[in-house]
Amino acid sequence: MRIRTHRTLSTLLRIVAFTAFFVGPVGAFAYAQTGDKGPGLSGAGFVLYMSIQRGR
């Protein structure tokens, strides 16, 4: 039982490490691309907001 638990935790740790290794840089890049735009609408969100406002 103890060996099985150790093996399960070891596998879980490897999965978490691989996920952080591959997803972390993508998240950091996406965060860096947001820049200092601040809160506000831009791009597709702005177009959607304006089209909803026109319908009123």
Protein backbone atom coordinates (compact mmCIF):
# COMPACT_ATOMS: atom_id res chain seq x y z
CA MET A 1 0.00 0.00 0.00
CA ARG A 2 2.80 2.41 0.90
CA ILE A 3 4.66 1.78 -2.37
CA ARG A 4 1.47 2.33 -4.36
CA THR A 5 0.86 5.66 -2.64
CA HIS A 6 4.45 6.73 -3.23
CA ARG A 7 4.21 5.81 -6.92
CA THR A 8 0.90 7.68 -7.29
CA LEU A 9 2.28 10.82 -5.67
CA SER A 10 5.40 10.61 -7.81
CA THR A 11 3.33 10.38 -10.98
CA LEU A 12 1.12 13.26 -9.86
CA LEU A 13 4.17 15.42 -9.17
CA ARG A 14 5.56 14.69 -12.64
CA ILE A 15 2.24 15.64 -14.26
CA VAL A 16 2.09 18.92 -12.34
CA ALA A 17 5.73 19.73 -13.18
CA PHE A 18 5.24 19.03 -16.89
CA THR A 19 2.05 21.10 -16.96
CA ALA A 20 3.73 24.05 -15.25
CA PHE A 21 6.76 23.74 -17.53
CA PHE A 22 4.73 23.86 -20.74
CA VAL A 23 1.77 26.07 -19.79
CA GLY A 24 3.66 28.59 -17.64
CA PRO A 25 5.55 30.31 -20.47
CA VAL A 26 2.38 30.56 -22.55
CA GLY A 27 0.56 32.24 -19.68
CA ALA A 28 3.48 34.60 -19.08
CA PHE A 29 3.55 35.53 -22.77
CA ALA A 30 -0.20 36.19 -22.81
CA TYR A 31 0.09 38.32 -19.69
CA ALA A 32 2.97 40.29 -21.19
CA GLN A 33 0.98 40.96 -24.36
CA THR A 34 -1.84 42.65 -22.45
CA GLY A 35 0.44 45.59 -21.67
CA ASP A 36 -0.87 48.60 -19.79
CA LYS A 37 -4.18 48.90 -21.57
CA GLY A 38 -6.01 49.07 -18.26
CA PRO A 39 -9.67 48.30 -17.89
CA GLY A 40 -11.63 49.07 -21.00
CA LEU A 41 -13.05 47.61 -24.12
CA SER A 42 -11.06 47.01 -27.24
CA GLY A 43 -11.18 44.73 -30.24
CA ALA A 44 -13.97 42.18 -30.53
CA GLY A 45 -15.32 42.97 -27.05
CA PHE A 46 -15.83 46.59 -28.02
CA VAL A 47 -17.56 45.66 -31.28
CA LEU A 48 -19.88 43.30 -29.43
CA TYR A 49 -20.66 45.95 -26.81
CA MET A 50 -21.47 48.56 -29.45
CA SER A 51 -23.69 46.20 -31.43
CA ILE A 52 -25.64 45.39 -28.27
CA GLN A 53 -26.03 49.10 -27.51
CA ARG A 54 -27.36 49.81 -31.03
CA GLY A 55 -30.11 47.26 -30.55
CA ARG A 56 -31.71 49.25 -27.75
